[in-house]
Each structure stands twice: as structure tokens, then as C-alpha cells.
Amino acid sequence: MAKYVLYRELVESVRPSAVASPEAAAKVVLAEGAAVVGQSAGTLIIDADADQAERVLHQLPGWSCTPESRAFRIPRPPRIHPR
């Protein structure tokens, strides 16, 4: 199993009222046999195989899915120019 990030998107073709809440999305994830391992406002981290993640995504219009990449960018401090 791998970790995936599910997040709500602003999609013009989907009415905002048709987009499932994170709680409703978590229920869909659990119904497909996957596990929710983290949750934030509008974002779920799930532990699932690729087929499960795809099935979950098809049931959640207005949501997107991407594999979790444990990589993150550390911003560089701004350059200070002497005056």
C-alpha cells in the first residue's frame, strides 16, 4: 500500500454543494477498504493501493488525488543587500 493525498479543488464544472465534505470523503475511503491516516481542512492522507485510490477518486467529484511524496522544499532565506 502507498500513501495518497486527497484534496478538494475549485472546479468550475462542479457545483460547490456537490463537493463532498472531508468527513463524507473519509467515509468513502473507509468503504473502499483504505485507511485515513491524516486529515486537515479539505485534505486527507490515505493509505491505499492504486486501484482503491482510483475508485475513491471516481466517487468524489471536485476532489483530486496525488501520491504522497515525502519530499518538500525548504525555502532559502531572503538575500539581504547592504545599503
C-alpha atoms as a PDB file:
ATOM      1  CA  MET A   1       0.000   0.000   0.000  1.00  0.00           C
ATOM      2  CA  ALA A   2       1.047   3.569  -0.614  1.00  0.00           C
ATOM      3  CA  LYS A   3       0.004   6.910   0.756  1.00  0.00           C
ATOM      4  CA  TYR A   4      -2.055   9.323  -1.332  1.00  0.00           C
ATOM      5  CA  VAL A   5      -3.164  12.881  -0.706  1.00  0.00           C
ATOM      6  CA  LEU A   6      -6.801  13.661  -1.495  1.00  0.00           C
ATOM      7  CA  TYR A   7      -7.647  17.346  -1.667  1.00  0.00           C
ATOM      8  CA  ARG A   8     -10.621  19.485  -2.605  1.00  0.00           C
ATOM      9  CA  GLU A   9     -10.288  21.528  -5.758  1.00  0.00           C
ATOM     10  CA  LEU A  10     -12.163  24.518  -7.028  1.00  0.00           C
ATOM     11  CA  VAL A  11     -13.516  23.134 -10.278  1.00  0.00           C
ATOM     12  CA  GLU A  12     -15.892  25.283 -12.293  1.00  0.00           C
ATOM     13  CA  SER A  13     -17.712  22.251 -13.699  1.00  0.00           C
ATOM     14  CA  VAL A  14     -18.713  21.008 -10.224  1.00  0.00           C
ATOM     15  CA  ARG A  15     -21.164  22.918  -8.047  1.00  0.00           C
ATOM     16  CA  PRO A  16     -19.728  23.660  -4.582  1.00  0.00           C
ATOM     17  CA  SER A  17     -22.713  21.928  -2.977  1.00  0.00           C
ATOM     18  CA  ALA A  18     -21.868  18.728  -4.903  1.00  0.00           C
ATOM     19  CA  VAL A  19     -18.346  18.529  -3.462  1.00  0.00           C
ATOM     20  CA  ALA A  20     -18.200  16.133  -0.526  1.00  0.00           C
ATOM     21  CA  SER A  21     -17.006  17.355   2.857  1.00  0.00           C
ATOM     22  CA  PRO A  22     -13.797  15.854   4.273  1.00  0.00           C
ATOM     23  CA  GLU A  23     -15.904  13.785   6.688  1.00  0.00           C
ATOM     24  CA  ALA A  24     -18.011  12.370   3.836  1.00  0.00           C
ATOM     25  CA  ALA A  25     -14.848  11.727   1.802  1.00  0.00           C
ATOM     26  CA  ALA A  26     -13.347   9.828   4.745  1.00  0.00           C
ATOM     27  CA  LYS A  27     -16.428   7.574   4.776  1.00  0.00           C
ATOM     28  CA  VAL A  28     -15.923   6.808   1.068  1.00  0.00           C
ATOM     29  CA  VAL A  29     -12.260   5.984   1.744  1.00  0.00           C
ATOM     30  CA  LEU A  30     -13.202   3.583   4.549  1.00  0.00           C
ATOM     31  CA  ALA A  31     -15.954   1.982   2.428  1.00  0.00           C
ATOM     32  CA  GLU A  32     -13.346   1.148  -0.236  1.00  0.00           C
ATOM     33  CA  GLY A  33     -11.165  -0.624   2.327  1.00  0.00           C
ATOM     34  CA  ALA A  34      -8.498   2.062   2.570  1.00  0.00           C
ATOM     35  CA  ALA A  35      -7.433   3.903   5.717  1.00  0.00           C
ATOM     36  CA  VAL A  36      -7.356   7.601   6.555  1.00  0.00           C
ATOM     37  CA  VAL A  37      -4.013   8.327   8.236  1.00  0.00           C
ATOM     38  CA  GLY A  38      -4.211  12.122   8.357  1.00  0.00           C
ATOM     39  CA  GLN A  39      -6.751  14.866   7.912  1.00  0.00           C
ATOM     40  CA  SER A  40      -6.674  18.623   7.573  1.00  0.00           C
ATOM     41  CA  ALA A  41      -9.119  21.213   6.267  1.00  0.00           C
ATOM     42  CA  GLY A  42     -10.025  19.950   2.803  1.00  0.00           C
ATOM     43  CA  THR A  43      -7.202  17.375   2.678  1.00  0.00           C
ATOM     44  CA  LEU A  44      -7.000  13.684   3.535  1.00  0.00           C
ATOM     45  CA  ILE A  45      -3.942  11.451   3.570  1.00  0.00           C
ATOM     46  CA  ILE A  46      -4.962   7.888   2.849  1.00  0.00           C
ATOM     47  CA  ASP A  47      -3.184   4.546   2.870  1.00  0.00           C
ATOM     48  CA  ALA A  48      -4.425   2.618  -0.164  1.00  0.00           C
ATOM     49  CA  ASP A  49      -3.319   0.772  -3.238  1.00  0.00           C
ATOM     50  CA  ALA A  50      -3.583   2.484  -6.617  1.00  0.00           C
ATOM     51  CA  ASP A  51      -6.885   0.796  -7.540  1.00  0.00           C
ATOM     52  CA  GLN A  52      -8.525   1.804  -4.257  1.00  0.00           C
ATOM     53  CA  ALA A  53      -7.353   5.406  -4.639  1.00  0.00           C
ATOM     54  CA  GLU A  54      -8.746   5.497  -8.174  1.00  0.00           C
ATOM     55  CA  ARG A  55     -12.134   4.120  -7.047  1.00  0.00           C
ATOM     56  CA  VAL A  56     -12.290   6.657  -4.211  1.00  0.00           C
ATOM     57  CA  LEU A  57     -11.481   9.492  -6.586  1.00  0.00           C
ATOM     58  CA  HIS A  58     -14.255   8.472  -9.016  1.00  0.00           C
ATOM     59  CA  GLN A  59     -16.791   8.748  -6.194  1.00  0.00           C
ATOM     60  CA  LEU A  60     -15.682  12.239  -5.124  1.00  0.00           C
ATOM     61  CA  PRO A  61     -16.339  14.921  -7.755  1.00  0.00           C
ATOM     62  CA  GLY A  62     -14.367  18.065  -7.031  1.00  0.00           C
ATOM     63  CA  TRP A  63     -11.566  16.132  -5.310  1.00  0.00           C
ATOM     64  CA  SER A  64      -8.115  15.322  -6.708  1.00  0.00           C
ATOM     65  CA  CYS A  65      -5.570  12.721  -5.730  1.00  0.00           C
ATOM     66  CA  THR A  66      -1.795  12.603  -5.898  1.00  0.00           C
ATOM     67  CA  PRO A  67       0.749  10.162  -4.476  1.00  0.00           C
ATOM     68  CA  GLU A  68       2.380  11.420  -1.298  1.00  0.00           C
ATOM     69  CA  SER A  69       5.975  12.324  -1.951  1.00  0.00           C
ATOM     70  CA  ARG A  70       7.601  12.917   1.426  1.00  0.00           C
ATOM     71  CA  ALA A  71       9.800  15.465  -0.348  1.00  0.00           C
ATOM     72  CA  PHE A  72       9.393  19.103   0.496  1.00  0.00           C
ATOM     73  CA  ARG A  73      11.152  22.269  -0.475  1.00  0.00           C
ATOM     74  CA  ILE A  74      12.922  24.263   2.195  1.00  0.00           C
ATOM     75  CA  PRO A  75      12.782  27.934   1.275  1.00  0.00           C
ATOM     76  CA  ARG A  76      16.025  29.839   1.167  1.00  0.00           C
ATOM     77  CA  PRO A  77      16.286  32.864   3.408  1.00  0.00           C
ATOM     78  CA  PRO A  78      15.968  36.136   1.511  1.00  0.00           C
ATOM     79  CA  ARG A  79      19.139  37.836   0.415  1.00  0.00           C
ATOM     80  CA  ILE A  80      19.965  40.909   2.400  1.00  0.00           C
ATOM     81  CA  HIS A  81      21.555  43.621   0.323  1.00  0.00           C
ATOM     82  CA  PRO A  82      23.790  46.095   2.159  1.00  0.00           C
ATOM     83  CA  ARG A  83      22.666  49.685   1.904  1.00  0.00           C
END
